[in-house]
C-alpha atoms as a PDB file:
ATOM      1  CA  LEU A   1      77.432 -65.315  15.492  1.00  0.00           C
ATOM      2  CA  THR A   2      75.197 -64.401  12.584  1.00  0.00           C
ATOM      3  CA  GLY A   3      72.933 -62.103  14.551  1.00  0.00           C
ATOM      4  CA  LEU A   4      70.732 -61.407  17.540  1.00  0.00           C
ATOM      5  CA  VAL A   5      67.027 -62.155  17.846  1.00  0.00           C
ATOM      6  CA  LEU A   6      64.616 -59.593  19.256  1.00  0.00           C
ATOM      7  CA  GLN A   7      61.351 -61.388  20.040  1.00  0.00           C
ATOM      8  CA  PHE A   8      58.074 -59.686  20.864  1.00  0.00           C
ATOM      9  CA  PRO A   9      54.650 -61.151  21.697  1.00  0.00           C
ATOM     10  CA  SER A  10      51.575 -60.562  19.570  1.00  0.00           C
ATOM     11  CA  SER A  11      50.507 -57.836  22.019  1.00  0.00           C
ATOM     12  CA  VAL A  12      53.218 -55.606  20.508  1.00  0.00           C
ATOM     13  CA  HIS A  13      51.339 -53.908  17.677  1.00  0.00           C
ATOM     14  CA  HIS A  14      52.757 -51.614  15.001  1.00  0.00           C
ATOM     15  CA  THR A  15      52.323 -48.342  16.922  1.00  0.00           C
ATOM     16  CA  ARG A  16      54.417 -45.209  17.228  1.00  0.00           C
ATOM     17  CA  GLU A  17      55.443 -46.142  20.791  1.00  0.00           C
ATOM     18  CA  ASN A  18      56.566 -49.614  19.714  1.00  0.00           C
ATOM     19  CA  ARG A  19      58.364 -48.261  16.642  1.00  0.00           C
ATOM     20  CA  ASP A  20      60.252 -45.836  18.920  1.00  0.00           C
ATOM     21  CA  HIS A  21      61.196 -48.735  21.207  1.00  0.00           C
ATOM     22  CA  LEU A  22      62.424 -50.844  18.285  1.00  0.00           C
ATOM     23  CA  ALA A  23      64.334 -47.902  16.808  1.00  0.00           C
ATOM     24  CA  ASN A  24      66.039 -47.424  20.173  1.00  0.00           C
ATOM     25  CA  LEU A  25      66.992 -51.121  20.323  1.00  0.00           C
ATOM     26  CA  ALA A  26      68.270 -50.966  16.744  1.00  0.00           C
ATOM     27  CA  GLY A  27      70.533 -48.082  17.776  1.00  0.00           C
ATOM     28  CA  LEU A  28      71.753 -49.852  20.910  1.00  0.00           C
ATOM     29  CA  PHE A  29      72.653 -52.990  18.951  1.00  0.00           C
ATOM     30  CA  LYS A  30      73.739 -51.278  15.722  1.00  0.00           C
ATOM     31  CA  ASP A  31      76.963 -53.302  15.582  1.00  0.00           C
ATOM     32  CA  HIS A  32      74.986 -56.541  15.262  1.00  0.00           C
ATOM     33  CA  PHE A  33      72.811 -58.090  12.602  1.00  0.00           C
ATOM     34  CA  LEU A  34      69.326 -57.949  14.157  1.00  0.00           C
ATOM     35  CA  PHE A  35      66.503 -60.372  13.466  1.00  0.00           C
ATOM     36  CA  VAL A  36      63.116 -59.308  14.763  1.00  0.00           C
ATOM     37  CA  ASP A  37      60.261 -61.645  15.621  1.00  0.00           C
ATOM     38  CA  VAL A  38      57.161 -59.446  15.703  1.00  0.00           C
ATOM     39  CA  ARG A  39      54.043 -61.532  15.961  1.00  0.00           C
ATOM     40  CA  HIS A  40      51.184 -59.129  15.408  1.00  0.00           C
ATOM     41  CA  GLN A  41      49.746 -58.907  11.892  1.00  0.00           C
ATOM     42  CA  SER A  42      49.946 -55.091  11.947  1.00  0.00           C
ATOM     43  CA  TRP A  43      53.702 -55.313  11.252  1.00  0.00           C
ATOM     44  CA  ASN A  44      53.012 -57.117   7.970  1.00  0.00           C
ATOM     45  CA  SER A  45      52.056 -53.904   6.174  1.00  0.00           C
ATOM     46  CA  SER A  46      53.977 -51.685   3.789  1.00  0.00           C
ATOM     47  CA  ASP A  47      54.585 -49.146   6.604  1.00  0.00           C
ATOM     48  CA  GLY A  48      55.599 -51.823   9.119  1.00  0.00           C
ATOM     49  CA  LEU A  49      57.950 -53.626   6.757  1.00  0.00           C
ATOM     50  CA  ARG A  50      59.483 -50.343   5.553  1.00  0.00           C
ATOM     51  CA  PHE A  51      60.105 -49.304   9.176  1.00  0.00           C
ATOM     52  CA  LEU A  52      61.896 -52.591   9.891  1.00  0.00           C
ATOM     53  CA  GLU A  53      63.988 -52.267   6.738  1.00  0.00           C
ATOM     54  CA  ASP A  54      64.850 -48.617   7.448  1.00  0.00           C
ATOM     55  CA  HIS A  55      66.162 -49.623  10.879  1.00  0.00           C
ATOM     56  CA  ARG A  56      68.038 -52.694   9.653  1.00  0.00           C
ATOM     57  CA  LEU A  57      65.689 -55.001  11.563  1.00  0.00           C
ATOM     58  CA  HIS A  58      65.375 -58.242   9.598  1.00  0.00           C
ATOM     59  CA  LEU A  59      61.934 -59.816   9.797  1.00  0.00           C
ATOM     60  CA  ILE A  60      61.813 -63.400  10.999  1.00  0.00           C
ATOM     61  CA  ASN A  61      59.358 -65.527   9.045  1.00  0.00           C
ATOM     62  CA  VAL A  62      57.421 -67.013  11.937  1.00  0.00           C
ATOM     63  CA  ASP A  63      54.836 -69.770  11.676  1.00  0.00           C
ATOM     64  CA  LEU A  64      52.187 -69.541  14.394  1.00  0.00           C
ATOM     65  CA  PRO A  65      48.560 -70.536  14.811  1.00  0.00           C
ATOM     66  CA  GLN A  66      46.437 -67.994  12.953  1.00  0.00           C
ATOM     67  CA  ILE A  67      44.636 -66.668  16.045  1.00  0.00           C
ATOM     68  CA  GLY A  68      44.800 -63.554  18.193  1.00  0.00           C
ATOM     69  CA  GLY A  69      46.077 -61.284  15.432  1.00  0.00           C
ATOM     70  CA  HIS A  70      49.185 -63.378  14.775  1.00  0.00           C
ATOM     71  CA  ILE A  71      51.205 -62.434  11.735  1.00  0.00           C
ATOM     72  CA  SER A  72      50.810 -64.703   8.718  1.00  0.00           C
ATOM     73  CA  LEU A  73      53.820 -66.703   7.597  1.00  0.00           C
ATOM     74  CA  THR A  74      55.968 -64.574   5.304  1.00  0.00           C
ATOM     75  CA  ALA A  75      58.778 -65.491   2.918  1.00  0.00           C
ATOM     76  CA  SER A  76      61.084 -62.578   3.659  1.00  0.00           C
ATOM     77  CA  ALA A  77      64.812 -62.347   3.119  1.00  0.00           C
ATOM     78  CA  SER A  78      66.944 -59.271   3.615  1.00  0.00           C
ATOM     79  CA  ASP A  79      70.631 -58.605   3.282  1.00  0.00           C
ATOM     80  CA  GLY A  80      70.961 -62.106   1.865  1.00  0.00           C
ATOM     81  CA  ILE A  81      69.534 -63.931   4.906  1.00  0.00           C
ATOM     82  CA  ALA A  82      66.192 -65.642   5.488  1.00  0.00           C
ATOM     83  CA  TYR A  83      65.247 -66.831   8.972  1.00  0.00           C
ATOM     84  CA  PHE A  84      62.285 -69.087   9.737  1.00  0.00           C
ATOM     85  CA  ARG A  85      60.983 -69.864  13.237  1.00  0.00           C
ATOM     86  CA  LEU A  86      58.468 -72.677  13.216  1.00  0.00           C
ATOM     87  CA  MET A  87      56.432 -72.580  16.390  1.00  0.00           C
ATOM     88  CA  GLY A  88      53.668 -75.020  15.471  1.00  0.00           C
ATOM     89  CA  ARG A  89      49.984 -74.466  14.930  1.00  0.00           C
ATOM     90  CA  ASN A  90      48.495 -75.711  18.184  1.00  0.00           C
ATOM     91  CA  ALA A  91      45.739 -73.091  18.293  1.00  0.00           C
ATOM     92  CA  GLY A  92      43.690 -74.876  20.972  1.00  0.00           C
ATOM     93  CA  GLN A  93      46.520 -74.724  23.498  1.00  0.00           C
ATOM     94  CA  TRP A  94      48.319 -71.522  22.460  1.00  0.00           C
ATOM     95  CA  PHE A  95      47.029 -69.110  25.084  1.00  0.00           C
ATOM     96  CA  LYS A  96      47.260 -71.680  27.885  1.00  0.00           C
ATOM     97  CA  GLY A  97      51.036 -71.198  28.089  1.00  0.00           C
ATOM     98  CA  ASP A  98      53.793 -73.779  27.951  1.00  0.00           C
ATOM     99  CA  LYS A  99      52.106 -76.083  30.458  1.00  0.00           C
ATOM    100  CA  GLY A 100      49.068 -76.298  28.187  1.00  0.00           C
ATOM    101  CA  GLY A 101      51.115 -77.826  25.388  1.00  0.00           C
ATOM    102  CA  ARG A 102      51.500 -74.701  23.273  1.00  0.00           C
ATOM    103  CA  TYR A 103      54.501 -76.152  21.463  1.00  0.00           C
ATOM    104  CA  GLN A 104      53.238 -79.738  21.313  1.00  0.00           C
ATOM    105  CA  TYR A 105      52.824 -79.858  17.585  1.00  0.00           C
ATOM    106  CA  LEU A 106      53.787 -82.262  14.845  1.00  0.00           C
ATOM    107  CA  TYR A 107      53.636 -80.701  11.391  1.00  0.00           C
ATOM    108  CA  SER A 108      51.958 -82.901   8.773  1.00  0.00           C
ATOM    109  CA  PRO A 109      53.793 -83.801   5.537  1.00  0.00           C
ATOM    110  CA  ASP A 110      51.574 -81.354   3.597  1.00  0.00           C
ATOM    111  CA  GLU A 111      52.282 -78.548   6.089  1.00  0.00           C
ATOM    112  CA  LEU A 112      56.014 -79.259   5.814  1.00  0.00           C
ATOM    113  CA  LYS A 113      55.858 -79.092   2.008  1.00  0.00           C
ATOM    114  CA  ASP A 114      54.115 -75.715   2.286  1.00  0.00           C
ATOM    115  CA  LEU A 115      56.789 -74.499   4.726  1.00  0.00           C
ATOM    116  CA  VAL A 116      59.561 -75.624   2.384  1.00  0.00           C
ATOM    117  CA  ASP A 117      57.852 -73.750  -0.473  1.00  0.00           C
ATOM    118  CA  HIS A 118      57.942 -70.587   1.685  1.00  0.00           C
ATOM    119  CA  MET A 119      61.605 -71.235   2.477  1.00  0.00           C
ATOM    120  CA  ARG A 120      62.450 -71.710  -1.182  1.00  0.00           C
ATOM    121  CA  GLY A 121      60.634 -68.478  -2.017  1.00  0.00           C
ATOM    122  CA  ALA A 122      62.732 -66.587   0.523  1.00  0.00           C
ATOM    123  CA  ALA A 123      65.919 -68.435  -0.404  1.00  0.00           C
ATOM    124  CA  SER A 124      65.734 -67.140  -3.963  1.00  0.00           C
ATOM    125  CA  GLY A 125      66.829 -63.771  -2.534  1.00  0.00           C
ATOM    126  CA  ALA A 126      69.195 -65.155   0.095  1.00  0.00           C
ATOM    127  CA  THR A 127      72.642 -66.664   0.338  1.00  0.00           C
ATOM    128  CA  LYS A 128      71.907 -68.041   3.827  1.00  0.00           C
ATOM    129  CA  ALA A 129      68.694 -69.447   5.235  1.00  0.00           C
ATOM    130  CA  PHE A 130      67.930 -70.637   8.750  1.00  0.00           C
ATOM    131  CA  ALA A 131      64.993 -72.779   9.837  1.00  0.00           C
ATOM    132  CA  VAL A 132      64.466 -73.329  13.551  1.00  0.00           C
ATOM    133  CA  PHE A 133      61.710 -75.507  14.958  1.00  0.00           C
ATOM    134  CA  HIS A 134      60.719 -74.584  18.486  1.00  0.00           C
ATOM    135  CA  ASN A 135      61.838 -77.062  21.131  1.00  0.00           C
ATOM    136  CA  ASP A 136      59.199 -79.300  22.615  1.00  0.00           C
ATOM    137  CA  PRO A 137      59.318 -82.096  25.193  1.00  0.00           C
ATOM    138  CA  GLN A 138      58.127 -84.769  22.725  1.00  0.00           C
ATOM    139  CA  ALA A 139      60.949 -84.134  20.175  1.00  0.00           C
ATOM    140  CA  ASN A 140      58.473 -83.293  17.401  1.00  0.00           C
ATOM    141  CA  SER A 141      60.697 -80.367  16.437  1.00  0.00           C
ATOM    142  CA  LEU A 142      63.641 -82.709  15.822  1.00  0.00           C
ATOM    143  CA  TYR A 143      61.540 -85.103  13.779  1.00  0.00           C
ATOM    144  CA  ASN A 144      60.086 -82.266  11.689  1.00  0.00           C
ATOM    145  CA  GLY A 145      63.564 -80.782  11.263  1.00  0.00           C
ATOM    146  CA  PHE A 146      64.897 -83.999   9.732  1.00  0.00           C
ATOM    147  CA  GLN A 147      61.817 -84.183   7.495  1.00  0.00           C
ATOM    148  CA  VAL A 148      62.485 -80.662   6.213  1.00  0.00           C
ATOM    149  CA  ARG A 149      66.144 -81.497   5.586  1.00  0.00           C
ATOM    150  CA  HIS A 150      64.987 -84.431   3.493  1.00  0.00           C
ATOM    151  CA  LEU A 151      62.514 -82.295   1.532  1.00  0.00           C
ATOM    152  CA  VAL A 152      65.235 -79.726   0.831  1.00  0.00           C
ATOM    153  CA  ASP A 153      67.855 -82.327  -0.159  1.00  0.00           C
ATOM    154  CA  PRO A 154      66.312 -85.782  -0.694  1.00  0.00           C
ATOM    155  CA  ASN A 155      69.656 -87.294  -1.755  1.00  0.00           C
ATOM    156  CA  LYS A 156      71.327 -86.627   1.589  1.00  0.00           C
ATOM    157  CA  LYS A 157      70.892 -88.888   4.633  1.00  0.00           C
ATOM    158  CA  PRO A 158      72.019 -86.954   7.710  1.00  0.00           C
ATOM    159  CA  LYS A 159      72.981 -88.756  10.889  1.00  0.00           C
ATOM    160  CA  ALA A 160      70.271 -88.929  13.530  1.00  0.00           C
ATOM    161  CA  PRO A 161      70.425 -90.248  17.101  1.00  0.00           C
ATOM    162  CA  GLU A 162      69.286 -93.859  17.233  1.00  0.00           C
ATOM    163  CA  THR A 163      66.973 -93.031  20.138  1.00  0.00           C
ATOM    164  CA  LEU A 164      65.185 -90.433  18.007  1.00  0.00           C
ATOM    165  CA  VAL A 165      64.805 -92.939  15.166  1.00  0.00           C
ATOM    166  CA  LYS A 166      63.302 -95.442  17.616  1.00  0.00           C
ATOM    167  CA  THR A 167      60.768 -92.796  18.671  1.00  0.00           C
ATOM    168  CA  PHE A 168      60.039 -91.828  15.057  1.00  0.00           C
ATOM    169  CA  PRO A 169      60.672 -95.000  12.993  1.00  0.00           C
ATOM    170  CA  GLN A 170      59.803 -93.124   9.771  1.00  0.00           C
ATOM    171  CA  LEU A 171      63.225 -91.466  10.092  1.00  0.00           C
ATOM    172  CA  LYS A 172      64.906 -94.770   9.086  1.00  0.00           C
ATOM    173  CA  GLU A 173      64.122 -93.988   5.452  1.00  0.00           C
ATOM    174  CA  ILE A 174      65.648 -90.496   5.432  1.00  0.00           C
ATOM    175  CA  THR A 175      68.461 -90.587   8.021  1.00  0.00           C
ATOM    176  CA  GLU A 176      71.404 -92.670   9.071  1.00  0.00           C
ATOM    177  CA  PRO A 177      70.768 -93.747  12.684  1.00  0.00           C
ATOM    178  CA  VAL A 178      73.820 -93.549  14.948  1.00  0.00           C
ATOM    179  CA  SER A 179      74.161 -94.676  18.534  1.00  0.00           C
ATOM    180  CA  ALA A 180      75.378 -92.290  21.154  1.00  0.00           C
ATOM    181  CA  GLU A 181      78.642 -93.609  22.501  1.00  0.00           C
ATOM    182  CA  LYS A 182      79.365 -92.926  26.106  1.00  0.00           C
ATOM    183  CA  PRO A 183      82.723 -91.256  26.794  1.00  0.00           C
END
């Protein structure tokens, strides 16, 4: 277990009340490495970032549609760890909830290159880096995850489920398809 994730919606602004709440949580979970996913842009300020650092709350670099005061994608690493959560940029469906297709998003090759540049920027100050695409029913997150792996290490061909490669035939070039054997 590397750490715990504390996730808050964009309605949680950088206010005294919310800082007190986060400070309390940091104290309750002081024996754990804590990643914090704060989604309102007000946290991405010198005061907000200093507060998180002072309370050993490690900012998650979260990619979201740039609407509703969402925080911009950062390239933060602290205590040698960078964590990226890639939620997609489906702005038109975001506030309609999961049923509206909020997470139905397929990052373009250019968007993925930009994300990898952010990851590399954070990785320069980290010994560990995590990148997590949000799950979605169409498996876009898996496809994008293999694309990022290829961008990070183009000489490596990781194994990918044959069914995923059939859904996304472009994966044939960058993965080694394997069939799922039944026990």
